[in-house]
Amino acid sequence: MKKNIIIYFALALLTVNRSSAQEQPREKLEAYRIAFFTKRLNLTPQEAQKFWPLYNEFQDKKNRIQTEKVKINRDFNQNELNMSEKEMTDAGDRFIALEVQGASLAQEYHNKFKEILSPVKVMRLYQAENQYRLQLLQELKQNNQIRYNTRKGAGNGSFKQ
């Protein structure tokens, strides 16, 4: 019953976020993510209380690593013609070091997740992360297609009445 309350609360937050015109997209996404993961993992209130701070910490650290990798790629793309071989080697070494750091981070948090979640919920977490990513990409693709079709139809008078 308590887990249903959490799910309903998360869904209510999502509904409120969707109806608020002043709401930031990031906040909407966060409420959606909480509802999505809570439902998929079937978290108890006690698990949710321990899980979310840990998961958010993990995501923050992962995002910092990803941001640094993107920066390395961007710098390379913008400066490739002006970079020395040593600078390129250093950039590649730093990129791989960040990959290794990300793998170590995943292992560290995998062990932390096992302390608070059952093995089945840990595996569901990894599935949910992939499902969540795929769902967001699918929704983004659909939204872009709707915008494209709307602009295309409005621009050439092809709307049928």
C-alpha atoms as a PDB file:
ATOM      1  CA  MET A   1       0.000   0.000   0.000  1.00  0.00           C
ATOM      2  CA  LYS A   2       2.803   2.401   0.900  1.00  0.00           C
ATOM      3  CA  LYS A   3       4.546   1.775  -2.406  1.00  0.00           C
ATOM      4  CA  ASN A   4       1.320   2.628  -4.207  1.00  0.00           C
ATOM      5  CA  ILE A   5       1.209   5.901  -2.290  1.00  0.00           C
ATOM      6  CA  ILE A   6       4.724   6.728  -3.513  1.00  0.00           C
ATOM      7  CA  ILE A   7       3.776   5.906  -7.093  1.00  0.00           C
ATOM      8  CA  TYR A   8       0.604   7.986  -6.888  1.00  0.00           C
ATOM      9  CA  PHE A   9       2.545  10.847  -5.301  1.00  0.00           C
ATOM     10  CA  ALA A  10       5.153  10.756  -8.051  1.00  0.00           C
ATOM     11  CA  LEU A  11       2.444  10.591 -10.710  1.00  0.00           C
ATOM     12  CA  ALA A  12       0.623  13.472  -9.055  1.00  0.00           C
ATOM     13  CA  LEU A  13       3.815  15.505  -9.149  1.00  0.00           C
ATOM     14  CA  LEU A  14       4.157  14.647 -12.808  1.00  0.00           C
ATOM     15  CA  THR A  15       0.578  15.726 -13.498  1.00  0.00           C
ATOM     16  CA  VAL A  16       1.027  18.992 -11.601  1.00  0.00           C
ATOM     17  CA  ASN A  17       4.282  19.608 -13.431  1.00  0.00           C
ATOM     18  CA  ARG A  18       2.664  19.024 -16.805  1.00  0.00           C
ATOM     19  CA  SER A  19      -0.169  21.411 -16.055  1.00  0.00           C
ATOM     20  CA  SER A  20       2.037  24.247 -14.840  1.00  0.00           C
ATOM     21  CA  ALA A  21       2.985  26.553 -17.685  1.00  0.00           C
ATOM     22  CA  GLN A  22       5.775  28.130 -15.646  1.00  0.00           C
ATOM     23  CA  GLU A  23       7.382  24.797 -14.771  1.00  0.00           C
ATOM     24  CA  GLN A  24      10.898  24.241 -16.037  1.00  0.00           C
ATOM     25  CA  PRO A  25      11.417  21.287 -18.393  1.00  0.00           C
ATOM     26  CA  ARG A  26      14.096  19.906 -16.077  1.00  0.00           C
ATOM     27  CA  GLU A  27      11.630  19.747 -13.171  1.00  0.00           C
ATOM     28  CA  LYS A  28       9.065  17.981 -15.332  1.00  0.00           C
ATOM     29  CA  LEU A  29      11.682  15.519 -16.443  1.00  0.00           C
ATOM     30  CA  GLU A  30      12.739  14.888 -12.842  1.00  0.00           C
ATOM     31  CA  ALA A  31       9.186  14.116 -11.719  1.00  0.00           C
ATOM     32  CA  TYR A  32       8.712  11.828 -14.709  1.00  0.00           C
ATOM     33  CA  ARG A  33      12.008  10.060 -13.957  1.00  0.00           C
ATOM     34  CA  ILE A  34      11.058   9.492 -10.320  1.00  0.00           C
ATOM     35  CA  ALA A  35       7.683   8.036 -11.278  1.00  0.00           C
ATOM     36  CA  PHE A  36       9.216   5.904 -14.034  1.00  0.00           C
ATOM     37  CA  PHE A  37      11.943   4.387 -11.837  1.00  0.00           C
ATOM     38  CA  THR A  38       9.775   4.005  -8.746  1.00  0.00           C
ATOM     39  CA  LYS A  39       7.210   2.067 -10.742  1.00  0.00           C
ATOM     40  CA  ARG A  40       9.758  -0.103 -12.584  1.00  0.00           C
ATOM     41  CA  LEU A  41      11.760  -0.900  -9.446  1.00  0.00           C
ATOM     42  CA  ASN A  42       8.709  -1.301  -7.218  1.00  0.00           C
ATOM     43  CA  LEU A  43      10.526   0.538  -4.434  1.00  0.00           C
ATOM     44  CA  THR A  44       9.282   0.366  -0.882  1.00  0.00           C
ATOM     45  CA  PRO A  45       9.185   3.687   0.986  1.00  0.00           C
ATOM     46  CA  GLN A  46      12.274   2.641   2.968  1.00  0.00           C
ATOM     47  CA  GLU A  47      14.133   1.695  -0.212  1.00  0.00           C
ATOM     48  CA  ALA A  48      13.096   4.907  -1.957  1.00  0.00           C
ATOM     49  CA  GLN A  49      14.347   6.988   0.968  1.00  0.00           C
ATOM     50  CA  LYS A  50      17.811   5.413   0.669  1.00  0.00           C
ATOM     51  CA  PHE A  51      17.838   4.903  -3.085  1.00  0.00           C
ATOM     52  CA  TRP A  52      17.091   8.382  -4.446  1.00  0.00           C
ATOM     53  CA  PRO A  53      19.882  10.303  -2.700  1.00  0.00           C
ATOM     54  CA  LEU A  54      22.369   7.600  -3.702  1.00  0.00           C
ATOM     55  CA  TYR A  55      21.117   7.397  -7.282  1.00  0.00           C
ATOM     56  CA  ASN A  56      21.129  11.191  -7.666  1.00  0.00           C
ATOM     57  CA  GLU A  57      24.699  11.323  -6.350  1.00  0.00           C
ATOM     58  CA  PHE A  58      25.691   8.643  -8.866  1.00  0.00           C
ATOM     59  CA  GLN A  59      24.010  10.506 -11.723  1.00  0.00           C
ATOM     60  CA  ASP A  60      25.709  13.779 -10.749  1.00  0.00           C
ATOM     61  CA  LYS A  61      29.127  12.124 -10.814  1.00  0.00           C
ATOM     62  CA  LYS A  62      28.339  10.354 -14.089  1.00  0.00           C
ATOM     63  CA  ASN A  63      27.160  13.637 -15.619  1.00  0.00           C
ATOM     64  CA  ARG A  64      30.372  15.392 -14.608  1.00  0.00           C
ATOM     65  CA  ILE A  65      32.405  12.691 -16.334  1.00  0.00           C
ATOM     66  CA  GLN A  66      30.200  12.878 -19.432  1.00  0.00           C
ATOM     67  CA  THR A  67      30.465  16.673 -19.524  1.00  0.00           C
ATOM     68  CA  GLU A  68      34.245  16.430 -19.435  1.00  0.00           C
ATOM     69  CA  LYS A  69      34.244  13.864 -22.255  1.00  0.00           C
ATOM     70  CA  VAL A  70      32.012  16.110 -24.366  1.00  0.00           C
ATOM     71  CA  LYS A  71      34.381  19.015 -23.705  1.00  0.00           C
ATOM     72  CA  ILE A  72      37.360  16.956 -24.875  1.00  0.00           C
ATOM     73  CA  ASN A  73      35.503  15.971 -28.055  1.00  0.00           C
ATOM     74  CA  ARG A  74      34.368  19.548 -28.701  1.00  0.00           C
ATOM     75  CA  ASP A  75      37.883  20.916 -28.178  1.00  0.00           C
ATOM     76  CA  PHE A  76      39.265  18.324 -30.563  1.00  0.00           C
ATOM     77  CA  ASN A  77      36.626  19.061 -33.211  1.00  0.00           C
ATOM     78  CA  GLN A  78      37.271  22.794 -33.007  1.00  0.00           C
ATOM     79  CA  ASN A  79      41.066  22.649 -32.801  1.00  0.00           C
ATOM     80  CA  GLU A  80      42.110  19.473 -34.586  1.00  0.00           C
ATOM     81  CA  LEU A  81      44.053  21.292 -37.305  1.00  0.00           C
ATOM     82  CA  ASN A  82      45.974  23.353 -34.760  1.00  0.00           C
ATOM     83  CA  MET A  83      46.710  20.590 -32.246  1.00  0.00           C
ATOM     84  CA  SER A  84      50.118  19.024 -31.906  1.00  0.00           C
ATOM     85  CA  GLU A  85      50.487  15.269 -31.787  1.00  0.00           C
ATOM     86  CA  LYS A  86      51.227  15.516 -28.051  1.00  0.00           C
ATOM     87  CA  GLU A  87      48.042  17.532 -27.454  1.00  0.00           C
ATOM     88  CA  MET A  88      46.031  14.922 -29.355  1.00  0.00           C
ATOM     89  CA  THR A  89      47.666  12.107 -27.399  1.00  0.00           C
ATOM     90  CA  ASP A  90      46.960  13.899 -24.114  1.00  0.00           C
ATOM     91  CA  ALA A  91      43.339  14.451 -25.127  1.00  0.00           C
ATOM     92  CA  GLY A  92      42.942  10.775 -26.042  1.00  0.00           C
ATOM     93  CA  ASP A  93      44.588   9.677 -22.800  1.00  0.00           C
ATOM     94  CA  ARG A  94      42.331  11.964 -20.785  1.00  0.00           C
ATOM     95  CA  PHE A  95      39.266  10.664 -22.630  1.00  0.00           C
ATOM     96  CA  ILE A  96      40.171   7.035 -21.874  1.00  0.00           C
ATOM     97  CA  ALA A  97      40.972   7.927 -18.258  1.00  0.00           C
ATOM     98  CA  LEU A  98      37.449   9.335 -17.986  1.00  0.00           C
ATOM     99  CA  GLU A  99      36.043   6.112 -19.497  1.00  0.00           C
ATOM    100  CA  VAL A 100      37.907   4.110 -16.843  1.00  0.00           C
ATOM    101  CA  GLN A 101      36.742   6.524 -14.150  1.00  0.00           C
ATOM    102  CA  GLY A 102      33.150   6.004 -15.331  1.00  0.00           C
ATOM    103  CA  ALA A 103      33.530   2.225 -15.171  1.00  0.00           C
ATOM    104  CA  SER A 104      34.997   2.441 -11.653  1.00  0.00           C
ATOM    105  CA  LEU A 105      32.157   4.714 -10.627  1.00  0.00           C
ATOM    106  CA  ALA A 106      29.591   2.247 -11.993  1.00  0.00           C
ATOM    107  CA  GLN A 107      31.224  -0.583 -10.057  1.00  0.00           C
ATOM    108  CA  GLU A 108      31.348   1.479  -6.851  1.00  0.00           C
ATOM    109  CA  TYR A 109      27.683   2.409  -7.043  1.00  0.00           C
ATOM    110  CA  HIS A 110      26.658  -1.079  -8.110  1.00  0.00           C
ATOM    111  CA  ASN A 111      28.017  -2.276  -4.770  1.00  0.00           C
ATOM    112  CA  LYS A 112      26.223   0.548  -2.942  1.00  0.00           C
ATOM    113  CA  PHE A 113      22.941  -0.265  -4.699  1.00  0.00           C
ATOM    114  CA  LYS A 114      23.299  -3.905  -3.647  1.00  0.00           C
ATOM    115  CA  GLU A 115      23.388  -2.748  -0.024  1.00  0.00           C
ATOM    116  CA  ILE A 116      19.911  -1.218  -0.241  1.00  0.00           C
ATOM    117  CA  LEU A 117      18.179  -3.114  -3.069  1.00  0.00           C
ATOM    118  CA  SER A 118      17.627  -6.776  -3.772  1.00  0.00           C
ATOM    119  CA  PRO A 119      19.554  -8.291  -6.702  1.00  0.00           C
ATOM    120  CA  VAL A 120      16.411  -8.311  -8.838  1.00  0.00           C
ATOM    121  CA  LYS A 121      15.828  -4.607  -8.185  1.00  0.00           C
ATOM    122  CA  VAL A 122      19.442  -3.799  -9.038  1.00  0.00           C
ATOM    123  CA  MET A 123      19.003  -5.554 -12.377  1.00  0.00           C
ATOM    124  CA  ARG A 124      15.666  -3.789 -12.882  1.00  0.00           C
ATOM    125  CA  LEU A 125      17.483  -0.516 -12.263  1.00  0.00           C
ATOM    126  CA  TYR A 126      19.831  -1.174 -15.168  1.00  0.00           C
ATOM    127  CA  GLN A 127      16.919  -2.165 -17.391  1.00  0.00           C
ATOM    128  CA  ALA A 128      14.934   0.888 -16.282  1.00  0.00           C
ATOM    129  CA  GLU A 129      17.823   3.194 -17.146  1.00  0.00           C
ATOM    130  CA  ASN A 130      17.866   1.856 -20.696  1.00  0.00           C
ATOM    131  CA  GLN A 131      14.068   1.884 -20.989  1.00  0.00           C
ATOM    132  CA  TYR A 132      13.930   5.445 -19.671  1.00  0.00           C
ATOM    133  CA  ARG A 133      16.564   6.631 -22.134  1.00  0.00           C
ATOM    134  CA  LEU A 134      14.786   4.905 -25.032  1.00  0.00           C
ATOM    135  CA  GLN A 135      11.407   6.314 -24.014  1.00  0.00           C
ATOM    136  CA  LEU A 136      12.793   9.850 -23.804  1.00  0.00           C
ATOM    137  CA  LEU A 137      14.394   9.499 -27.225  1.00  0.00           C
ATOM    138  CA  GLN A 138      11.161   8.140 -28.669  1.00  0.00           C
ATOM    139  CA  GLU A 139       9.127  11.006 -27.192  1.00  0.00           C
ATOM    140  CA  LEU A 140      11.659  13.535 -28.437  1.00  0.00           C
ATOM    141  CA  LYS A 141      11.481  12.012 -31.894  1.00  0.00           C
ATOM    142  CA  GLN A 142       7.663  12.100 -31.836  1.00  0.00           C
ATOM    143  CA  ASN A 143       7.622  15.720 -30.626  1.00  0.00           C
ATOM    144  CA  ASN A 144      10.049  16.745 -33.349  1.00  0.00           C
ATOM    145  CA  GLN A 145       7.969  14.904 -35.956  1.00  0.00           C
ATOM    146  CA  ILE A 146       4.793  16.650 -34.749  1.00  0.00           C
ATOM    147  CA  ARG A 147       6.517  20.046 -34.884  1.00  0.00           C
ATOM    148  CA  TYR A 148       7.906  19.284 -38.336  1.00  0.00           C
ATOM    149  CA  ASN A 149       4.510  18.164 -39.670  1.00  0.00           C
ATOM    150  CA  THR A 150       2.779  21.159 -38.112  1.00  0.00           C
ATOM    151  CA  ARG A 151       5.250  23.598 -39.661  1.00  0.00           C
ATOM    152  CA  LYS A 152       5.210  21.780 -42.965  1.00  0.00           C
ATOM    153  CA  GLY A 153       1.407  21.770 -43.086  1.00  0.00           C
ATOM    154  CA  ALA A 154       1.057  25.368 -41.963  1.00  0.00           C
ATOM    155  CA  GLY A 155       3.620  26.592 -44.436  1.00  0.00           C
ATOM    156  CA  ASN A 156       2.162  25.094 -47.560  1.00  0.00           C
ATOM    157  CA  GLY A 157      -1.568  25.213 -46.888  1.00  0.00           C
ATOM    158  CA  SER A 158      -1.886  21.433 -46.914  1.00  0.00           C
ATOM    159  CA  PHE A 159      -4.077  21.164 -43.829  1.00  0.00           C
ATOM    160  CA  LYS A 160      -7.264  19.326 -44.695  1.00  0.00           C
ATOM    161  CA  GLN A 161     -10.473  20.580 -43.192  1.00  0.00           C
END
